[in-house]
Amino acid sequence: MLTVDFERLGVQPGDKLLDIGAGRGRHAFEAARLGAQVVAADLDHADLVATQDTVAAMVLEDEPLPEAWGFMAAQTNALALPFPDDSLDRVIASEIMEHIPDDAGAMAELFRVVRPGGTVAVTVPRWLPEKVCWWLSEEYHAQIGGHIRIYSESELHAKMLTAGFETFDSHHAHGLHSPYWWLKCAVGVKNEQAWPVRQYHRLLVWDIMKHPWPTRAAEAVLTPFIGKSYVAYFFKPDDTDDVEAIASTTAGEDPVHKGATTAESADRGSSLEGAGRRR
């Protein structure tokens, strides 16, 4: 189940791509299939081991992979990424900013490591579905390492603009998933055995595995209104010497709708050297 649209992100064979907060590697796997040189990074060691095991299985099963592909896993912190300045072509930061107390610091670090002209996809829980979850369950957002903030779309864009990025696209995703999380919050976030939760989970698995038309149609209808995730795409301007000028010229604009039309309006020097292609 992908949240990021790789075509919008502009992933090309040979791109140096960081998936920060990779979890079990859903986006990292897709990037590798497209021929990118991928680093899947996370704080959770167990998730990284599972990700490496899955990649090993892909290779053993002779899954067709482009010549340019590469893969490695790294346990690292979003506030201190082990990459040189301007060294990455693409970065994915999916569902991590809401967990990080110093989100501005994490965004600044993304800006540091991506090359001029490179692109970044940031996904966060959408404001309305997330607000309902917080209202239904204190447990949902009170657990250690849980969500500590709810972003509005304009807030996310404003913070990324402050870090130096420019917006070029955005959309929502996962309309079927908001009701699932509302059910979990209503019966207990960790209560996986509740009948409504089990039945809805079966529906989601069916949708992910089979892509039947009824759930695909429901997803298309629900996503614009209650899509669980908000996905925004940014690029690092080629001229990064005048970030203040960029910010001043965009003051007063709505950063959510600025830019292109959207579907819905180890040692720093030891990793991934070079800047790669221009966007």
C-alpha atoms as a PDB file:
ATOM      1  CA  MET A   1       0.000   0.000   0.000  1.00  0.00           C
ATOM      2  CA  LEU A   2       1.707   3.146  -1.243  1.00  0.00           C
ATOM      3  CA  THR A   3       0.938   6.651  -0.047  1.00  0.00           C
ATOM      4  CA  VAL A   4       3.435   8.541  -2.203  1.00  0.00           C
ATOM      5  CA  ASP A   5       2.935   8.841  -5.971  1.00  0.00           C
ATOM      6  CA  PHE A   6       6.349   7.996  -7.454  1.00  0.00           C
ATOM      7  CA  GLU A   7       5.537   9.587 -10.798  1.00  0.00           C
ATOM      8  CA  ARG A   8       4.829  12.917  -9.101  1.00  0.00           C
ATOM      9  CA  LEU A   9       7.984  12.569  -7.014  1.00  0.00           C
ATOM     10  CA  GLY A  10       9.924  12.049 -10.260  1.00  0.00           C
ATOM     11  CA  VAL A  11      11.816   8.869  -9.343  1.00  0.00           C
ATOM     12  CA  GLN A  12      14.175   7.708 -12.112  1.00  0.00           C
ATOM     13  CA  PRO A  13      16.555   4.721 -12.415  1.00  0.00           C
ATOM     14  CA  GLY A  14      19.793   5.494 -10.627  1.00  0.00           C
ATOM     15  CA  ASP A  15      18.306   8.164  -8.361  1.00  0.00           C
ATOM     16  CA  LYS A  16      19.745   8.300  -4.862  1.00  0.00           C
ATOM     17  CA  LEU A  17      16.633   8.035  -2.702  1.00  0.00           C
ATOM     18  CA  LEU A  18      16.217   8.167   1.076  1.00  0.00           C
ATOM     19  CA  ASP A  19      13.095   6.725   2.690  1.00  0.00           C
ATOM     20  CA  ILE A  20      13.281   8.205   6.199  1.00  0.00           C
ATOM     21  CA  GLY A  21      10.918   6.549   8.660  1.00  0.00           C
ATOM     22  CA  ALA A  22      10.778   3.605   6.272  1.00  0.00           C
ATOM     23  CA  GLY A  23       9.075   1.211   8.694  1.00  0.00           C
ATOM     24  CA  ARG A  24       8.710  -2.155   6.954  1.00  0.00           C
ATOM     25  CA  GLY A  25       9.846  -0.653   3.651  1.00  0.00           C
ATOM     26  CA  ARG A  26       6.708  -0.291   1.522  1.00  0.00           C
ATOM     27  CA  HIS A  27       7.986   2.821  -0.274  1.00  0.00           C
ATOM     28  CA  ALA A  28      11.605   1.639  -0.269  1.00  0.00           C
ATOM     29  CA  PHE A  29      10.654  -1.570  -2.122  1.00  0.00           C
ATOM     30  CA  GLU A  30       8.779   0.338  -4.808  1.00  0.00           C
ATOM     31  CA  ALA A  31      11.698   2.732  -5.288  1.00  0.00           C
ATOM     32  CA  ALA A  32      14.070  -0.233  -5.706  1.00  0.00           C
ATOM     33  CA  ARG A  33      11.736  -1.768  -8.299  1.00  0.00           C
ATOM     34  CA  LEU A  34      11.972   1.496 -10.225  1.00  0.00           C
ATOM     35  CA  GLY A  35      15.766   1.269 -10.229  1.00  0.00           C
ATOM     36  CA  ALA A  36      16.617   3.791  -7.523  1.00  0.00           C
ATOM     37  CA  GLN A  37      19.573   3.429  -5.172  1.00  0.00           C
ATOM     38  CA  VAL A  38      17.615   3.282  -1.928  1.00  0.00           C
ATOM     39  CA  VAL A  39      18.480   3.864   1.702  1.00  0.00           C
ATOM     40  CA  ALA A  40      15.670   2.731   4.019  1.00  0.00           C
ATOM     41  CA  ALA A  41      16.207   4.559   7.325  1.00  0.00           C
ATOM     42  CA  ASP A  42      14.360   4.172  10.597  1.00  0.00           C
ATOM     43  CA  LEU A  43      14.935   4.251  14.355  1.00  0.00           C
ATOM     44  CA  ASP A  44      13.307   0.825  14.791  1.00  0.00           C
ATOM     45  CA  HIS A  45      15.930  -1.901  14.356  1.00  0.00           C
ATOM     46  CA  ALA A  46      13.339  -4.699  14.104  1.00  0.00           C
ATOM     47  CA  ASP A  47      11.606  -2.968  11.188  1.00  0.00           C
ATOM     48  CA  LEU A  48      14.916  -2.546   9.375  1.00  0.00           C
ATOM     49  CA  VAL A  49      15.783  -6.231   9.816  1.00  0.00           C
ATOM     50  CA  ALA A  50      12.376  -7.188   8.395  1.00  0.00           C
ATOM     51  CA  THR A  51      12.945  -4.817   5.477  1.00  0.00           C
ATOM     52  CA  GLN A  52      16.344  -6.341   4.686  1.00  0.00           C
ATOM     53  CA  ASP A  53      14.847  -9.845   4.858  1.00  0.00           C
ATOM     54  CA  THR A  54      12.153  -8.879   2.370  1.00  0.00           C
ATOM     55  CA  VAL A  55      14.704  -7.425  -0.061  1.00  0.00           C
ATOM     56  CA  ALA A  56      16.802 -10.589   0.242  1.00  0.00           C
ATOM     57  CA  ALA A  57      13.704 -12.646  -0.568  1.00  0.00           C
ATOM     58  CA  MET A  58      13.015 -10.459  -3.622  1.00  0.00           C
ATOM     59  CA  VAL A  59      16.529 -11.157  -4.909  1.00  0.00           C
ATOM     60  CA  LEU A  60      16.322 -14.895  -4.203  1.00  0.00           C
ATOM     61  CA  GLU A  61      13.020 -15.120  -6.051  1.00  0.00           C
ATOM     62  CA  ASP A  62      14.617 -13.407  -9.068  1.00  0.00           C
ATOM     63  CA  GLU A  63      12.122 -10.575  -9.010  1.00  0.00           C
ATOM     64  CA  PRO A  64      12.939  -8.425 -12.059  1.00  0.00           C
ATOM     65  CA  LEU A  65      14.867  -5.357 -10.914  1.00  0.00           C
ATOM     66  CA  PRO A  66      16.481  -2.657 -13.087  1.00  0.00           C
ATOM     67  CA  GLU A  67      20.258  -2.661 -13.420  1.00  0.00           C
ATOM     68  CA  ALA A  68      20.672   0.627 -11.565  1.00  0.00           C
ATOM     69  CA  TRP A  69      18.895  -0.465  -8.381  1.00  0.00           C
ATOM     70  CA  GLY A  70      20.600  -0.607  -5.004  1.00  0.00           C
ATOM     71  CA  PHE A  71      19.442  -1.045  -1.425  1.00  0.00           C
ATOM     72  CA  MET A  72      20.716  -0.581   2.102  1.00  0.00           C
ATOM     73  CA  ALA A  73      19.103  -0.121   5.534  1.00  0.00           C
ATOM     74  CA  ALA A  74      20.326   2.352   8.134  1.00  0.00           C
ATOM     75  CA  GLN A  75      19.273   2.966  11.720  1.00  0.00           C
ATOM     76  CA  THR A  76      19.397   6.744  11.985  1.00  0.00           C
ATOM     77  CA  ASN A  77      17.739   9.846  13.384  1.00  0.00           C
ATOM     78  CA  ALA A  78      15.856  12.302  11.182  1.00  0.00           C
ATOM     79  CA  LEU A  79      17.605  15.174  12.978  1.00  0.00           C
ATOM     80  CA  ALA A  80      21.116  13.944  12.104  1.00  0.00           C
ATOM     81  CA  LEU A  81      21.090  12.220   8.726  1.00  0.00           C
ATOM     82  CA  PRO A  82      24.390  10.513   7.764  1.00  0.00           C
ATOM     83  CA  PHE A  83      24.639  12.066   4.301  1.00  0.00           C
ATOM     84  CA  PRO A  84      26.706  14.888   2.804  1.00  0.00           C
ATOM     85  CA  ASP A  85      25.033  18.149   1.830  1.00  0.00           C
ATOM     86  CA  ASP A  86      23.182  18.152  -1.513  1.00  0.00           C
ATOM     87  CA  SER A  87      23.746  14.411  -2.018  1.00  0.00           C
ATOM     88  CA  LEU A  88      20.255  12.940  -2.580  1.00  0.00           C
ATOM     89  CA  ASP A  89      17.925  13.154  -5.564  1.00  0.00           C
ATOM     90  CA  ARG A  90      14.701  12.138  -3.805  1.00  0.00           C
ATOM     91  CA  VAL A  91      13.530  11.890  -0.200  1.00  0.00           C
ATOM     92  CA  ILE A  92      10.371  10.312   1.206  1.00  0.00           C
ATOM     93  CA  ALA A  93       9.286  11.240   4.739  1.00  0.00           C
ATOM     94  CA  SER A  94       6.034   9.340   5.210  1.00  0.00           C
ATOM     95  CA  GLU A  95       4.056   9.695   8.452  1.00  0.00           C
ATOM     96  CA  ILE A  96       6.996  10.751  10.629  1.00  0.00           C
ATOM     97  CA  MET A  97       6.738  14.524  11.145  1.00  0.00           C
ATOM     98  CA  GLU A  98       3.789  14.164  13.520  1.00  0.00           C
ATOM     99  CA  HIS A  99       6.027  12.089  15.826  1.00  0.00           C
ATOM    100  CA  ILE A 100       9.013  14.472  15.979  1.00  0.00           C
ATOM    101  CA  PRO A 101       9.115  17.233  18.634  1.00  0.00           C
ATOM    102  CA  ASP A 102      11.574  19.274  16.551  1.00  0.00           C
ATOM    103  CA  ASP A 103       9.831  18.955  13.201  1.00  0.00           C
ATOM    104  CA  ALA A 104      11.427  22.187  11.967  1.00  0.00           C
ATOM    105  CA  GLY A 105      14.849  20.659  12.645  1.00  0.00           C
ATOM    106  CA  ALA A 106      13.911  17.525  10.697  1.00  0.00           C
ATOM    107  CA  MET A 107      12.700  19.598   7.746  1.00  0.00           C
ATOM    108  CA  ALA A 108      15.918  21.623   7.774  1.00  0.00           C
ATOM    109  CA  GLU A 109      17.885  18.375   7.696  1.00  0.00           C
ATOM    110  CA  LEU A 110      15.896  17.184   4.667  1.00  0.00           C
ATOM    111  CA  PHE A 111      16.726  20.476   2.968  1.00  0.00           C
ATOM    112  CA  ARG A 112      20.412  20.005   3.736  1.00  0.00           C
ATOM    113  CA  VAL A 113      20.757  16.535   2.220  1.00  0.00           C
ATOM    114  CA  VAL A 114      18.644  16.894  -0.933  1.00  0.00           C
ATOM    115  CA  ARG A 115      20.379  18.418  -3.956  1.00  0.00           C
ATOM    116  CA  PRO A 116      19.190  21.618  -5.648  1.00  0.00           C
ATOM    117  CA  GLY A 117      16.386  20.577  -7.991  1.00  0.00           C
ATOM    118  CA  GLY A 118      15.790  17.395  -5.985  1.00  0.00           C
ATOM    119  CA  THR A 119      12.331  16.485  -4.733  1.00  0.00           C
ATOM    120  CA  VAL A 120      10.830  15.521  -1.384  1.00  0.00           C
ATOM    121  CA  ALA A 121       7.496  13.879  -0.530  1.00  0.00           C
ATOM    122  CA  VAL A 122       6.121  14.451   2.970  1.00  0.00           C
ATOM    123  CA  THR A 123       2.998  12.669   4.163  1.00  0.00           C
ATOM    124  CA  VAL A 124       1.139  13.370   7.405  1.00  0.00           C
ATOM    125  CA  PRO A 125      -2.225  12.339   8.851  1.00  0.00           C
ATOM    126  CA  ARG A 126      -4.911  14.596   7.402  1.00  0.00           C
ATOM    127  CA  TRP A 127      -6.368  17.139   9.825  1.00  0.00           C
ATOM    128  CA  LEU A 128     -10.035  16.024   9.979  1.00  0.00           C
ATOM    129  CA  PRO A 129      -9.578  12.226  10.245  1.00  0.00           C
ATOM    130  CA  GLU A 130      -6.782  12.774  12.775  1.00  0.00           C
ATOM    131  CA  LYS A 131      -8.881  15.182  14.831  1.00  0.00           C
ATOM    132  CA  VAL A 132     -11.655  12.574  15.052  1.00  0.00           C
ATOM    133  CA  CYS A 133      -9.135   9.974  16.263  1.00  0.00           C
ATOM    134  CA  TRP A 134      -7.876  12.331  18.983  1.00  0.00           C
ATOM    135  CA  TRP A 135     -11.467  13.072  20.032  1.00  0.00           C
ATOM    136  CA  LEU A 136     -12.403   9.380  20.217  1.00  0.00           C
ATOM    137  CA  SER A 137      -9.304   8.127  22.028  1.00  0.00           C
ATOM    138  CA  GLU A 138      -6.746   9.718  24.318  1.00  0.00           C
ATOM    139  CA  GLU A 139      -4.760   6.476  24.073  1.00  0.00           C
ATOM    140  CA  TYR A 140      -4.309   7.058  20.327  1.00  0.00           C
ATOM    141  CA  HIS A 141      -2.111  10.105  20.822  1.00  0.00           C
ATOM    142  CA  ALA A 142      -0.870   9.668  24.411  1.00  0.00           C
ATOM    143  CA  GLN A 143       1.360   6.630  23.917  1.00  0.00           C
ATOM    144  CA  ILE A 144       5.134   7.057  23.923  1.00  0.00           C
ATOM    145  CA  GLY A 145       6.368   7.805  20.428  1.00  0.00           C
ATOM    146  CA  GLY A 146       2.832   8.572  19.259  1.00  0.00           C
ATOM    147  CA  HIS A 147       1.406  11.549  17.417  1.00  0.00           C
ATOM    148  CA  ILE A 148       2.173  14.833  19.167  1.00  0.00           C
ATOM    149  CA  ARG A 149       0.565  17.276  16.732  1.00  0.00           C
ATOM    150  CA  ILE A 150      -2.114  17.552  14.060  1.00  0.00           C
ATOM    151  CA  TYR A 151      -1.038  19.412  10.936  1.00  0.00           C
ATOM    152  CA  SER A 152      -3.278  21.554   8.828  1.00  0.00           C
ATOM    153  CA  GLU A 153      -2.262  21.475   5.185  1.00  0.00           C
ATOM    154  CA  SER A 154      -1.272  25.146   5.249  1.00  0.00           C
ATOM    155  CA  GLU A 155       0.858  24.633   8.387  1.00  0.00           C
ATOM    156  CA  LEU A 156       2.836  21.807   6.787  1.00  0.00           C
ATOM    157  CA  HIS A 157       3.502  23.850   3.669  1.00  0.00           C
ATOM    158  CA  ALA A 158       4.459  26.942   5.667  1.00  0.00           C
ATOM    159  CA  LYS A 159       6.998  24.975   7.720  1.00  0.00           C
ATOM    160  CA  MET A 160       8.536  23.390   4.637  1.00  0.00           C
ATOM    161  CA  LEU A 161       8.710  26.816   2.967  1.00  0.00           C
ATOM    162  CA  THR A 162      10.500  28.166   6.034  1.00  0.00           C
ATOM    163  CA  ALA A 163      13.014  25.321   5.678  1.00  0.00           C
ATOM    164  CA  GLY A 164      13.709  26.546   2.129  1.00  0.00           C
ATOM    165  CA  PHE A 165      11.549  24.261  -0.039  1.00  0.00           C
ATOM    166  CA  GLU A 166       9.033  25.158  -2.722  1.00  0.00           C
ATOM    167  CA  THR A 167       5.721  23.329  -3.224  1.00  0.00           C
ATOM    168  CA  PHE A 168       4.799  21.752  -6.546  1.00  0.00           C
ATOM    169  CA  ASP A 169       2.008  19.226  -5.903  1.00  0.00           C
ATOM    170  CA  SER A 170      -0.265  17.647  -3.288  1.00  0.00           C
ATOM    171  CA  HIS A 171      -3.097  15.149  -2.892  1.00  0.00           C
ATOM    172  CA  HIS A 172      -4.899  12.967  -0.350  1.00  0.00           C
ATOM    173  CA  ALA A 173      -4.731   9.180   0.059  1.00  0.00           C
ATOM    174  CA  HIS A 174      -6.405   6.199   1.747  1.00  0.00           C
ATOM    175  CA  GLY A 175     -10.080   7.110   2.009  1.00  0.00           C
ATOM    176  CA  LEU A 176     -10.942   3.605   3.217  1.00  0.00           C
ATOM    177  CA  HIS A 177      -8.524   3.801   6.131  1.00  0.00           C
ATOM    178  CA  SER A 178     -10.047   6.621   8.171  1.00  0.00           C
ATOM    179  CA  PRO A 179     -13.149   4.618   9.220  1.00  0.00           C
ATOM    180  CA  TYR A 180     -10.871   1.740  10.256  1.00  0.00           C
ATOM    181  CA  TRP A 181      -8.913   3.993  12.608  1.00  0.00           C
ATOM    182  CA  TRP A 182     -12.087   5.562  13.950  1.00  0.00           C
ATOM    183  CA  LEU A 183     -13.343   2.075  14.825  1.00  0.00           C
ATOM    184  CA  LYS A 184     -10.047   1.238  16.539  1.00  0.00           C
ATOM    185  CA  CYS A 185     -10.155   4.452  18.529  1.00  0.00           C
ATOM    186  CA  ALA A 186     -13.769   3.809  19.551  1.00  0.00           C
ATOM    187  CA  VAL A 187     -13.203   0.251  20.847  1.00  0.00           C
ATOM    188  CA  GLY A 188      -9.602   0.633  22.042  1.00  0.00           C
ATOM    189  CA  VAL A 189      -6.558   1.214  19.850  1.00  0.00           C
ATOM    190  CA  LYS A 190      -4.963  -2.087  20.865  1.00  0.00           C
ATOM    191  CA  ASN A 191      -8.188  -4.105  20.785  1.00  0.00           C
ATOM    192  CA  GLU A 192      -7.548  -6.008  17.557  1.00  0.00           C
ATOM    193  CA  GLN A 193     -10.128  -8.686  18.388  1.00  0.00           C
ATOM    194  CA  ALA A 194     -13.183  -6.441  18.404  1.00  0.00           C
ATOM    195  CA  TRP A 195     -15.580  -7.755  15.745  1.00  0.00           C
ATOM    196  CA  PRO A 196     -15.974  -4.480  13.790  1.00  0.00           C
ATOM    197  CA  VAL A 197     -12.205  -3.980  13.708  1.00  0.00           C
ATOM    198  CA  ARG A 198     -11.537  -7.553  12.526  1.00  0.00           C
ATOM    199  CA  GLN A 199     -14.146  -7.323   9.778  1.00  0.00           C
ATOM    200  CA  TYR A 200     -12.939  -3.966   8.549  1.00  0.00           C
ATOM    201  CA  HIS A 201      -9.356  -5.202   8.573  1.00  0.00           C
ATOM    202  CA  ARG A 202     -10.398  -8.126   6.363  1.00  0.00           C
ATOM    203  CA  LEU A 203     -11.940  -5.605   3.961  1.00  0.00           C
ATOM    204  CA  LEU A 204      -8.703  -3.605   3.814  1.00  0.00           C
ATOM    205  CA  VAL A 205      -6.604  -6.715   3.202  1.00  0.00           C
ATOM    206  CA  TRP A 206      -8.981  -7.768   0.417  1.00  0.00           C
ATOM    207  CA  ASP A 207      -8.662  -4.332  -1.137  1.00  0.00           C
ATOM    208  CA  ILE A 208      -4.852  -4.289  -0.935  1.00  0.00           C
ATOM    209  CA  MET A 209      -4.418  -7.814  -2.279  1.00  0.00           C
ATOM    210  CA  LYS A 210      -7.151  -8.004  -4.920  1.00  0.00           C
ATOM    211  CA  HIS A 211      -8.046  -4.398  -5.846  1.00  0.00           C
ATOM    212  CA  PRO A 212     -11.730  -5.286  -6.391  1.00  0.00           C
ATOM    213  CA  TRP A 213     -13.832  -2.649  -8.107  1.00  0.00           C
ATOM    214  CA  PRO A 214     -16.260  -2.044  -5.176  1.00  0.00           C
ATOM    215  CA  THR A 215     -13.487  -1.019  -2.771  1.00  0.00           C
ATOM    216  CA  ARG A 216     -11.597   0.858  -5.500  1.00  0.00           C
ATOM    217  CA  ALA A 217     -14.749   2.836  -6.264  1.00  0.00           C
ATOM    218  CA  ALA A 218     -15.346   3.526  -2.567  1.00  0.00           C
ATOM    219  CA  GLU A 219     -11.730   4.650  -2.179  1.00  0.00           C
ATOM    220  CA  ALA A 220     -12.089   7.079  -5.075  1.00  0.00           C
ATOM    221  CA  VAL A 221     -15.254   8.575  -3.592  1.00  0.00           C
ATOM    222  CA  LEU A 222     -14.026   8.794   0.016  1.00  0.00           C
ATOM    223  CA  THR A 223     -10.442   9.976  -0.462  1.00  0.00           C
ATOM    224  CA  PRO A 224     -11.210  13.619  -1.375  1.00  0.00           C
ATOM    225  CA  PHE A 225     -13.290  13.970   1.793  1.00  0.00           C
ATOM    226  CA  ILE A 226     -11.774  11.709   4.459  1.00  0.00           C
ATOM    227  CA  GLY A 227      -8.507  10.397   3.024  1.00  0.00           C
ATOM    228  CA  LYS A 228      -6.363   9.396   6.012  1.00  0.00           C
ATOM    229  CA  SER A 229      -3.148  10.925   4.659  1.00  0.00           C
ATOM    230  CA  TYR A 230      -2.188  14.253   3.156  1.00  0.00           C
ATOM    231  CA  VAL A 231       0.704  14.012   0.683  1.00  0.00           C
ATOM    232  CA  ALA A 232       2.714  17.072  -0.328  1.00  0.00           C
ATOM    233  CA  TYR A 233       5.577  17.344  -2.820  1.00  0.00           C
ATOM    234  CA  PHE A 234       8.390  19.873  -2.595  1.00  0.00           C
ATOM    235  CA  PHE A 235      11.573  20.738  -4.455  1.00  0.00           C
ATOM    236  CA  LYS A 236      14.776  22.420  -3.370  1.00  0.00           C
ATOM    237  CA  PRO A 237      15.259  25.545  -5.502  1.00  0.00           C
ATOM    238  CA  ASP A 238      18.359  25.649  -7.685  1.00  0.00           C
ATOM    239  CA  ASP A 239      19.226  29.051  -6.215  1.00  0.00           C
ATOM    240  CA  THR A 240      19.357  28.350  -2.475  1.00  0.00           C
ATOM    241  CA  ASP A 241      21.358  31.479  -1.632  1.00  0.00           C
ATOM    242  CA  ASP A 242      18.272  33.645  -1.384  1.00  0.00           C
ATOM    243  CA  VAL A 243      15.767  31.621   0.634  1.00  0.00           C
ATOM    244  CA  GLU A 244      14.589  34.783   2.407  1.00  0.00           C
ATOM    245  CA  ALA A 245      13.678  36.321  -0.943  1.00  0.00           C
ATOM    246  CA  ILE A 246      11.686  33.210  -1.862  1.00  0.00           C
ATOM    247  CA  ALA A 247       9.777  33.418   1.416  1.00  0.00           C
ATOM    248  CA  SER A 248       9.063  37.144   0.984  1.00  0.00           C
ATOM    249  CA  THR A 249       7.758  36.768  -2.582  1.00  0.00           C
ATOM    250  CA  THR A 250       5.346  34.018  -1.502  1.00  0.00           C
ATOM    251  CA  ALA A 251       4.139  35.803   1.644  1.00  0.00           C
ATOM    252  CA  GLY A 252       0.370  35.951   1.685  1.00  0.00           C
ATOM    253  CA  GLU A 253      -0.068  33.119  -0.832  1.00  0.00           C
ATOM    254  CA  ASP A 254      -1.816  29.894   0.044  1.00  0.00           C
ATOM    255  CA  PRO A 255       1.091  27.397  -0.034  1.00  0.00           C
ATOM    256  CA  VAL A 256      -1.278  24.446  -0.337  1.00  0.00           C
ATOM    257  CA  HIS A 257      -2.467  25.543  -3.757  1.00  0.00           C
ATOM    258  CA  LYS A 258       0.723  27.212  -4.961  1.00  0.00           C
ATOM    259  CA  GLY A 259       2.525  25.602  -7.910  1.00  0.00           C
ATOM    260  CA  ALA A 260       1.314  22.879 -10.287  1.00  0.00           C
ATOM    261  CA  THR A 261      -2.265  21.703 -10.530  1.00  0.00           C
ATOM    262  CA  THR A 262      -3.011  18.792  -8.237  1.00  0.00           C
ATOM    263  CA  ALA A 263      -5.515  15.979  -8.197  1.00  0.00           C
ATOM    264  CA  GLU A 264      -7.385  17.729  -5.390  1.00  0.00           C
ATOM    265  CA  SER A 265      -6.598  21.439  -5.964  1.00  0.00           C
ATOM    266  CA  ALA A 266      27.525   6.068   9.349  1.00  0.00           C
ATOM    267  CA  ASP A 267      29.955   9.109   8.597  1.00  0.00           C
ATOM    268  CA  ARG A 268      28.408  11.892   6.634  1.00  0.00           C
ATOM    269  CA  GLY A 269      31.052  11.506   3.944  1.00  0.00           C
ATOM    270  CA  SER A 270      30.743   7.731   3.632  1.00  0.00           C
ATOM    271  CA  SER A 271      27.227   7.564   2.232  1.00  0.00           C
ATOM    272  CA  LEU A 272      25.817   8.179  -1.247  1.00  0.00           C
ATOM    273  CA  GLU A 273      28.242  10.678  -2.768  1.00  0.00           C
ATOM    274  CA  GLY A 274      27.460  13.097  -5.546  1.00  0.00           C
ATOM    275  CA  ALA A 275      24.428  15.028  -6.578  1.00  0.00           C
ATOM    276  CA  GLY A 276      22.993  12.992  -9.491  1.00  0.00           C
ATOM    277  CA  ARG A 277      20.729  14.318 -12.231  1.00  0.00           C
ATOM    278  CA  ARG A 278      18.721  17.489 -12.318  1.00  0.00           C
ATOM    279  CA  ARG A 279      15.006  17.304 -11.878  1.00  0.00           C
END
